[in-house]
C-alpha atoms as a PDB file:
ATOM      1  CA  MET A   1      17.920  55.823  18.182  1.00  0.00           C
ATOM      2  CA  ALA A   2      14.721  57.067  19.825  1.00  0.00           C
ATOM      3  CA  ALA A   3      12.196  54.492  21.031  1.00  0.00           C
ATOM      4  CA  HIS A   4       9.484  56.362  19.133  1.00  0.00           C
ATOM      5  CA  PRO A   5       9.534  58.462  15.952  1.00  0.00           C
ATOM      6  CA  ARG A   6      10.075  62.112  16.867  1.00  0.00           C
ATOM      7  CA  LEU A   7       7.567  64.832  16.009  1.00  0.00           C
ATOM      8  CA  LEU A   8       8.201  68.568  16.253  1.00  0.00           C
ATOM      9  CA  ASP A   9       5.155  70.580  17.346  1.00  0.00           C
ATOM     10  CA  LEU A  10       5.559  74.194  16.162  1.00  0.00           C
ATOM     11  CA  PHE A  11       3.472  77.007  17.730  1.00  0.00           C
ATOM     12  CA  CYS A  12       2.648  74.338  20.324  1.00  0.00           C
ATOM     13  CA  GLY A  13       0.715  76.326  22.950  1.00  0.00           C
ATOM     14  CA  ALA A  14      -0.090  74.369  26.087  1.00  0.00           C
ATOM     15  CA  GLY A  15      -0.010  70.974  24.394  1.00  0.00           C
ATOM     16  CA  GLY A  16      -3.433  69.805  23.212  1.00  0.00           C
ATOM     17  CA  THR A  17      -1.902  68.922  19.853  1.00  0.00           C
ATOM     18  CA  ALA A  18       1.139  67.290  21.431  1.00  0.00           C
ATOM     19  CA  VAL A  19      -0.846  64.960  23.688  1.00  0.00           C
ATOM     20  CA  GLY A  20      -2.728  63.591  20.679  1.00  0.00           C
ATOM     21  CA  TYR A  21       0.480  62.866  18.800  1.00  0.00           C
ATOM     22  CA  ARG A  22       1.989  61.216  21.859  1.00  0.00           C
ATOM     23  CA  ARG A  23      -1.023  58.923  22.106  1.00  0.00           C
ATOM     24  CA  ALA A  24      -0.454  58.042  18.446  1.00  0.00           C
ATOM     25  CA  GLY A  25       3.075  56.900  19.306  1.00  0.00           C
ATOM     26  CA  PHE A  26       5.349  59.897  18.710  1.00  0.00           C
ATOM     27  CA  GLU A  27       7.960  61.380  20.991  1.00  0.00           C
ATOM     28  CA  VAL A  28       7.025  65.081  20.911  1.00  0.00           C
ATOM     29  CA  VAL A  29       9.087  68.252  21.288  1.00  0.00           C
ATOM     30  CA  GLY A  30       7.221  71.568  21.392  1.00  0.00           C
ATOM     31  CA  VAL A  31       8.341  74.991  20.183  1.00  0.00           C
ATOM     32  CA  ASP A  32       6.608  78.269  20.985  1.00  0.00           C
ATOM     33  CA  SER A  33       7.710  81.894  21.213  1.00  0.00           C
ATOM     34  CA  ALA A  34       5.956  82.267  24.594  1.00  0.00           C
ATOM     35  CA  PRO A  35       6.678  80.305  27.789  1.00  0.00           C
ATOM     36  CA  GLN A  36       4.421  77.242  28.106  1.00  0.00           C
ATOM     37  CA  PRO A  37       4.753  76.027  31.709  1.00  0.00           C
ATOM     38  CA  ARG A  38       1.984  73.431  31.290  1.00  0.00           C
ATOM     39  CA  PHE A  39       3.314  71.906  28.073  1.00  0.00           C
ATOM     40  CA  PRO A  40       3.635  68.232  29.063  1.00  0.00           C
ATOM     41  CA  TYR A  41       6.771  67.218  27.117  1.00  0.00           C
ATOM     42  CA  ALA A  42      10.177  68.589  26.098  1.00  0.00           C
ATOM     43  CA  PHE A  43       9.846  72.273  25.209  1.00  0.00           C
ATOM     44  CA  VAL A  44      11.989  74.876  23.422  1.00  0.00           C
ATOM     45  CA  GLN A  45      11.112  78.560  23.650  1.00  0.00           C
ATOM     46  CA  ALA A  46      12.002  79.991  20.256  1.00  0.00           C
ATOM     47  CA  ASP A  47      10.638  81.695  17.143  1.00  0.00           C
ATOM     48  CA  ALA A  48       9.466  78.798  14.960  1.00  0.00           C
ATOM     49  CA  MET A  49      10.320  80.769  11.812  1.00  0.00           C
ATOM     50  CA  GLN A  50      13.957  81.175  12.862  1.00  0.00           C
ATOM     51  CA  LEU A  51      14.789  77.527  13.606  1.00  0.00           C
ATOM     52  CA  ASP A  52      17.918  75.974  12.139  1.00  0.00           C
ATOM     53  CA  PRO A  53      17.013  73.714   9.176  1.00  0.00           C
ATOM     54  CA  ARG A  54      19.275  71.040  10.690  1.00  0.00           C
ATOM     55  CA  PHE A  55      17.112  71.056  13.817  1.00  0.00           C
ATOM     56  CA  LEU A  56      13.960  70.643  11.734  1.00  0.00           C
ATOM     57  CA  ALA A  57      15.566  67.819   9.761  1.00  0.00           C
ATOM     58  CA  SER A  58      16.377  65.918  12.970  1.00  0.00           C
ATOM     59  CA  PHE A  59      12.674  65.052  13.411  1.00  0.00           C
ATOM     60  CA  ASP A  60      10.672  62.324  11.682  1.00  0.00           C
ATOM     61  CA  ALA A  61       7.539  64.477  11.239  1.00  0.00           C
ATOM     62  CA  ILE A  62       6.505  68.082  11.872  1.00  0.00           C
ATOM     63  CA  HIS A  63       3.213  69.675  12.912  1.00  0.00           C
ATOM     64  CA  ALA A  64       2.594  73.434  12.768  1.00  0.00           C
ATOM     65  CA  SER A  65      -0.343  75.508  14.032  1.00  0.00           C
ATOM     66  CA  PRO A  66       0.516  79.063  12.903  1.00  0.00           C
ATOM     67  CA  PRO A  67      -1.459  81.913  14.499  1.00  0.00           C
ATOM     68  CA  CYS A  68      -5.001  81.847  13.126  1.00  0.00           C
ATOM     69  CA  GLN A  69      -6.182  85.414  13.835  1.00  0.00           C
ATOM     70  CA  ALA A  70      -5.593  86.683  10.287  1.00  0.00           C
ATOM     71  CA  TYR A  71      -7.937  84.016   8.924  1.00  0.00           C
ATOM     72  CA  SER A  72     -10.639  83.997  11.595  1.00  0.00           C
ATOM     73  CA  ASP A  73     -14.241  85.096  11.071  1.00  0.00           C
ATOM     74  CA  LEU A  74     -13.940  87.465  14.036  1.00  0.00           C
ATOM     75  CA  ALA A  75     -10.994  89.341  12.515  1.00  0.00           C
ATOM     76  CA  HIS A  76     -12.814  89.701   9.192  1.00  0.00           C
ATOM     77  CA  ARG A  77     -15.955  90.952  10.947  1.00  0.00           C
ATOM     78  CA  ASN A  78     -13.875  93.442  12.939  1.00  0.00           C
ATOM     79  CA  GLY A  79     -11.974  94.536   9.840  1.00  0.00           C
ATOM     80  CA  ASN A  80      -8.557  93.954  11.451  1.00  0.00           C
ATOM     81  CA  ALA A  81      -7.447  90.726   9.731  1.00  0.00           C
ATOM     82  CA  ASP A  82      -4.467  92.561   8.200  1.00  0.00           C
ATOM     83  CA  ASP A  83      -3.175  93.435  11.674  1.00  0.00           C
ATOM     84  CA  TRP A  84      -2.086  89.796  12.174  1.00  0.00           C
ATOM     85  CA  PRO A  85       0.768  87.880  10.503  1.00  0.00           C
ATOM     86  CA  ARG A  86      -0.109  85.509   7.656  1.00  0.00           C
ATOM     87  CA  LEU A  87       2.325  82.665   8.227  1.00  0.00           C
ATOM     88  CA  ILE A  88       0.773  79.681   6.488  1.00  0.00           C
ATOM     89  CA  GLU A  89       2.602  80.167   3.180  1.00  0.00           C
ATOM     90  CA  PRO A  90       6.090  80.623   4.700  1.00  0.00           C
ATOM     91  CA  VAL A  91       5.447  77.777   7.142  1.00  0.00           C
ATOM     92  CA  ARG A  92       4.447  75.521   4.257  1.00  0.00           C
ATOM     93  CA  ASP A  93       7.610  76.422   2.334  1.00  0.00           C
ATOM     94  CA  MET A  94       9.702  75.655   5.400  1.00  0.00           C
ATOM     95  CA  LEU A  95       8.073  72.275   6.006  1.00  0.00           C
ATOM     96  CA  VAL A  96       8.114  71.190   2.354  1.00  0.00           C
ATOM     97  CA  ALA A  97      11.859  71.931   2.262  1.00  0.00           C
ATOM     98  CA  THR A  98      12.476  69.355   5.016  1.00  0.00           C
ATOM     99  CA  GLY A  99      11.058  66.509   2.932  1.00  0.00           C
ATOM    100  CA  LYS A 100       9.385  65.153   6.075  1.00  0.00           C
ATOM    101  CA  PRO A 101       5.749  64.188   6.649  1.00  0.00           C
ATOM    102  CA  TYR A 102       4.084  67.410   7.780  1.00  0.00           C
ATOM    103  CA  VAL A 103       0.770  68.751   9.079  1.00  0.00           C
ATOM    104  CA  ILE A 104      -0.437  72.368   9.078  1.00  0.00           C
ATOM    105  CA  GLU A 105      -3.521  73.013  11.245  1.00  0.00           C
ATOM    106  CA  ASN A 106      -5.683  76.109  11.166  1.00  0.00           C
ATOM    107  CA  VAL A 107      -9.212  77.523  11.201  1.00  0.00           C
ATOM    108  CA  GLU A 108     -11.826  77.524   8.470  1.00  0.00           C
ATOM    109  CA  GLY A 109     -10.987  80.244   5.968  1.00  0.00           C
ATOM    110  CA  ALA A 110      -7.239  79.669   6.182  1.00  0.00           C
ATOM    111  CA  PRO A 111      -5.479  79.118   2.818  1.00  0.00           C
ATOM    112  CA  LEU A 112      -4.632  75.448   3.338  1.00  0.00           C
ATOM    113  CA  ARG A 113      -4.279  72.885   0.549  1.00  0.00           C
ATOM    114  CA  ASN A 114      -5.364  69.246   0.347  1.00  0.00           C
ATOM    115  CA  TYR A 115      -6.905  69.515   3.780  1.00  0.00           C
ATOM    116  CA  ILE A 116      -9.456  67.582   5.772  1.00  0.00           C
ATOM    117  CA  VAL A 117     -11.883  69.094   8.292  1.00  0.00           C
ATOM    118  CA  LEU A 118     -12.233  67.573  11.759  1.00  0.00           C
ATOM    119  CA  CYS A 119     -15.148  68.294  14.114  1.00  0.00           C
ATOM    120  CA  GLY A 120     -15.960  67.221  17.651  1.00  0.00           C
ATOM    121  CA  THR A 121     -18.958  65.247  16.384  1.00  0.00           C
ATOM    122  CA  MET A 122     -16.509  62.829  14.732  1.00  0.00           C
ATOM    123  CA  PHE A 123     -15.059  61.642  18.051  1.00  0.00           C
ATOM    124  CA  PRO A 124     -17.071  59.816  20.737  1.00  0.00           C
ATOM    125  CA  GLY A 125     -16.616  61.541  24.087  1.00  0.00           C
ATOM    126  CA  LEU A 126     -16.008  65.060  22.745  1.00  0.00           C
ATOM    127  CA  ARG A 127     -18.699  67.688  23.303  1.00  0.00           C
ATOM    128  CA  VAL A 128     -17.381  70.632  21.308  1.00  0.00           C
ATOM    129  CA  LEU A 129     -18.079  71.911  17.792  1.00  0.00           C
ATOM    130  CA  ARG A 130     -14.564  72.961  16.848  1.00  0.00           C
ATOM    131  CA  HIS A 131     -13.922  72.736  13.102  1.00  0.00           C
ATOM    132  CA  ARG A 132     -10.237  72.648  12.276  1.00  0.00           C
ATOM    133  CA  LEU A 133      -8.478  72.181   8.935  1.00  0.00           C
ATOM    134  CA  PHE A 134      -5.487  69.857   8.569  1.00  0.00           C
ATOM    135  CA  GLU A 135      -3.238  70.108   5.515  1.00  0.00           C
ATOM    136  CA  THR A 136      -0.917  67.132   5.094  1.00  0.00           C
ATOM    137  CA  ASN A 137       1.474  65.713   2.502  1.00  0.00           C
ATOM    138  CA  PHE A 138       0.108  62.222   3.215  1.00  0.00           C
ATOM    139  CA  ILE A 139      -3.382  60.773   2.920  1.00  0.00           C
ATOM    140  CA  ILE A 140      -5.905  60.851   5.778  1.00  0.00           C
ATOM    141  CA  PRO A 141      -9.462  59.515   5.354  1.00  0.00           C
ATOM    142  CA  VAL A 142     -12.201  61.828   6.632  1.00  0.00           C
ATOM    143  CA  PRO A 143     -14.381  60.426   9.456  1.00  0.00           C
ATOM    144  CA  PRO A 144     -18.177  60.718   9.166  1.00  0.00           C
ATOM    145  CA  HIS A 145     -19.324  64.232  10.110  1.00  0.00           C
ATOM    146  CA  GLY A 146     -22.196  63.983  12.568  1.00  0.00           C
ATOM    147  CA  ARG A 147     -25.167  66.316  12.818  1.00  0.00           C
ATOM    148  CA  HIS A 148     -24.448  69.385  14.927  1.00  0.00           C
ATOM    149  CA  PRO A 149     -26.449  69.302  18.168  1.00  0.00           C
ATOM    150  CA  LEU A 150     -27.604  72.311  20.150  1.00  0.00           C
ATOM    151  CA  CYS A 151     -24.925  73.784  22.401  1.00  0.00           C
ATOM    152  CA  HIS A 152     -25.447  74.658  26.048  1.00  0.00           C
ATOM    153  CA  THR A 153     -26.273  78.345  26.434  1.00  0.00           C
ATOM    154  CA  ARG A 154     -26.426  80.988  29.137  1.00  0.00           C
ATOM    155  CA  ASP A 155     -28.306  83.352  26.836  1.00  0.00           C
ATOM    156  CA  LYS A 156     -31.897  83.684  28.034  1.00  0.00           C
ATOM    157  CA  ARG A 157     -32.920  84.877  24.578  1.00  0.00           C
ATOM    158  CA  LYS A 158     -32.205  81.433  23.105  1.00  0.00           C
ATOM    159  CA  ARG A 159     -35.181  79.102  22.779  1.00  0.00           C
ATOM    160  CA  HIS A 160     -33.333  76.172  24.360  1.00  0.00           C
ATOM    161  CA  TYR A 161     -32.116  78.180  27.391  1.00  0.00           C
ATOM    162  CA  GLY A 162     -32.551  76.115  30.560  1.00  0.00           C
ATOM    163  CA  THR A 163     -32.932  72.773  28.767  1.00  0.00           C
ATOM    164  CA  THR A 164     -29.232  71.818  28.540  1.00  0.00           C
ATOM    165  CA  ASP A 165     -26.549  70.788  31.009  1.00  0.00           C
ATOM    166  CA  GLU A 166     -22.971  72.012  30.553  1.00  0.00           C
ATOM    167  CA  MET A 167     -21.557  68.731  31.901  1.00  0.00           C
ATOM    168  CA  ARG A 168     -23.676  66.599  29.569  1.00  0.00           C
ATOM    169  CA  ASP A 169     -24.364  68.525  26.367  1.00  0.00           C
ATOM    170  CA  TYR A 170     -22.161  70.210  23.770  1.00  0.00           C
ATOM    171  CA  VAL A 171     -20.581  73.510  24.818  1.00  0.00           C
ATOM    172  CA  THR A 172     -18.803  76.391  23.090  1.00  0.00           C
ATOM    173  CA  VAL A 173     -15.183  76.780  24.192  1.00  0.00           C
ATOM    174  CA  THR A 174     -14.070  80.242  23.062  1.00  0.00           C
ATOM    175  CA  GLY A 175     -12.904  83.546  24.484  1.00  0.00           C
ATOM    176  CA  GLY A 176     -16.488  84.488  25.333  1.00  0.00           C
ATOM    177  CA  GLY A 177     -17.585  80.952  25.956  1.00  0.00           C
ATOM    178  CA  ASN A 178     -20.748  79.658  27.511  1.00  0.00           C
ATOM    179  CA  CYS A 179     -19.482  77.247  30.122  1.00  0.00           C
ATOM    180  CA  SER A 180     -17.252  76.793  33.156  1.00  0.00           C
ATOM    181  CA  ILE A 181     -13.609  75.714  32.952  1.00  0.00           C
ATOM    182  CA  ALA A 182     -14.639  72.294  34.318  1.00  0.00           C
ATOM    183  CA  ALA A 183     -17.139  71.825  31.491  1.00  0.00           C
ATOM    184  CA  ALA A 184     -14.650  73.054  28.867  1.00  0.00           C
ATOM    185  CA  ARG A 185     -11.998  70.614  30.076  1.00  0.00           C
ATOM    186  CA  ASP A 186     -14.447  67.728  30.063  1.00  0.00           C
ATOM    187  CA  ALA A 187     -15.829  68.627  26.626  1.00  0.00           C
ATOM    188  CA  MET A 188     -12.373  68.934  25.031  1.00  0.00           C
ATOM    189  CA  GLY A 189     -10.672  66.002  26.776  1.00  0.00           C
ATOM    190  CA  ILE A 190      -8.081  68.385  28.289  1.00  0.00           C
ATOM    191  CA  ASP A 191      -7.618  68.518  32.054  1.00  0.00           C
ATOM    192  CA  TRP A 192      -4.410  70.545  32.543  1.00  0.00           C
ATOM    193  CA  MET A 193      -5.026  73.902  30.859  1.00  0.00           C
ATOM    194  CA  THR A 194      -6.268  77.262  32.055  1.00  0.00           C
ATOM    195  CA  LYS A 195      -9.405  78.689  30.410  1.00  0.00           C
ATOM    196  CA  LYS A 196      -7.318  81.024  28.219  1.00  0.00           C
ATOM    197  CA  GLU A 197      -5.135  78.138  27.049  1.00  0.00           C
ATOM    198  CA  ILE A 198      -8.035  75.797  26.340  1.00  0.00           C
ATOM    199  CA  ASN A 199      -9.834  78.519  24.351  1.00  0.00           C
ATOM    200  CA  GLU A 200      -6.993  78.322  21.804  1.00  0.00           C
ATOM    201  CA  ALA A 201      -6.398  74.562  21.916  1.00  0.00           C
ATOM    202  CA  ILE A 202      -7.611  71.688  19.795  1.00  0.00           C
ATOM    203  CA  PRO A 203      -8.760  68.393  21.335  1.00  0.00           C
ATOM    204  CA  PRO A 204      -6.013  65.748  21.543  1.00  0.00           C
ATOM    205  CA  ASP A 205      -8.428  63.319  19.849  1.00  0.00           C
ATOM    206  CA  TYR A 206      -7.954  65.267  16.604  1.00  0.00           C
ATOM    207  CA  THR A 207      -4.186  64.835  16.456  1.00  0.00           C
ATOM    208  CA  GLU A 208      -4.287  61.304  17.791  1.00  0.00           C
ATOM    209  CA  TYR A 209      -6.337  60.531  14.681  1.00  0.00           C
ATOM    210  CA  VAL A 210      -4.033  62.524  12.364  1.00  0.00           C
ATOM    211  CA  GLY A 211      -1.003  61.071  14.120  1.00  0.00           C
ATOM    212  CA  ARG A 212      -1.926  57.495  13.318  1.00  0.00           C
ATOM    213  CA  TYR A 213      -1.664  58.313   9.606  1.00  0.00           C
ATOM    214  CA  ALA A 214       1.446  60.462  10.119  1.00  0.00           C
ATOM    215  CA  MET A 215       3.033  57.442  11.772  1.00  0.00           C
ATOM    216  CA  MET A 216       2.350  55.391   8.626  1.00  0.00           C
ATOM    217  CA  ALA A 217       4.022  58.100   6.535  1.00  0.00           C
ATOM    218  CA  VAL A 218       7.274  57.993   8.519  1.00  0.00           C
ATOM    219  CA  PRO A 219       9.830  55.868   6.613  1.00  0.00           C
ATOM    220  CA  THR A 220      10.707  52.608   8.351  1.00  0.00           C
ATOM    221  CA  PRO A 221      14.417  52.588   9.322  1.00  0.00           C
ATOM    222  CA  ALA A 222      16.509  49.931   7.664  1.00  0.00           C
ATOM    223  CA  PRO A 223      17.401  47.020  10.010  1.00  0.00           C
ATOM    224  CA  PRO A 224      20.937  47.163  11.515  1.00  0.00           C
ATOM    225  CA  GLU A 225      22.236  44.307   9.362  1.00  0.00           C
ATOM    226  CA  ALA A 226      21.061  46.106   6.203  1.00  0.00           C
ATOM    227  CA  VAL A 227      22.761  49.297   7.337  1.00  0.00           C
ATOM    228  CA  SER A 228      25.996  47.377   7.998  1.00  0.00           C
ATOM    229  CA  ALA A 229      25.842  45.796   4.557  1.00  0.00           C
ATOM    230  CA  GLN A 230      25.337  49.166   2.936  1.00  0.00           C
ATOM    231  CA  ALA A 231      28.238  50.624   4.901  1.00  0.00           C
ATOM    232  CA  ALA A 232      30.458  47.730   3.900  1.00  0.00           C
ATOM    233  CA  ALA A 233      29.480  48.097   0.254  1.00  0.00           C
ATOM    234  CA  GLY A 234      30.287  51.783   0.407  1.00  0.00           C
ATOM    235  CA  ALA A 235      33.718  51.050   1.843  1.00  0.00           C
ATOM    236  CA  VAL A 236      34.696  48.835  -1.080  1.00  0.00           C
END
């Protein structure tokens, strides 16, 4: 029996999600279709949608972060949202079928159900405004949502240009971005990723918070003596 409950991290990327769940007490295994050399725990390179149901069922909880491009504001503005796969519905069906506690994470605009929204203002130490939705089949209270501060900018057209510090104030961590990799790592609480990887990551603080409630949703194993008694009763 594992020392910690086991969580499967689907579409895991470089491990921002996984580190949060590990801090919450889970043993984490990641799955991604692309190599992830900086993923910090056990890793399986595979298509998450083609996994054996018996493999899924071997975990105590499952997290999935399907590709978000089809639901993003940028794709809708560019008119190419239909060029990307829409995986949330099939992922949900797959996770519901396991009967396990599950989490589906995605961007605003994604068709999630019974979700909460997490933001960097909810977590002391984070300096990023990164709204993410978390659908779960267990209850999570929503932390207070703080006022959004001004973000550091390199755009001289902005009124607050020159008044912020990228290592002190909030920054934008995206493909375009407005800060150095050092500032992005500090703002997100992630020190092992490349800029491309961190652009697509979520702060570990988010899933550490979610993971504490996922841990409560994992059934407590029966003590050995109870298992023995049940086995004996079944043998009669």
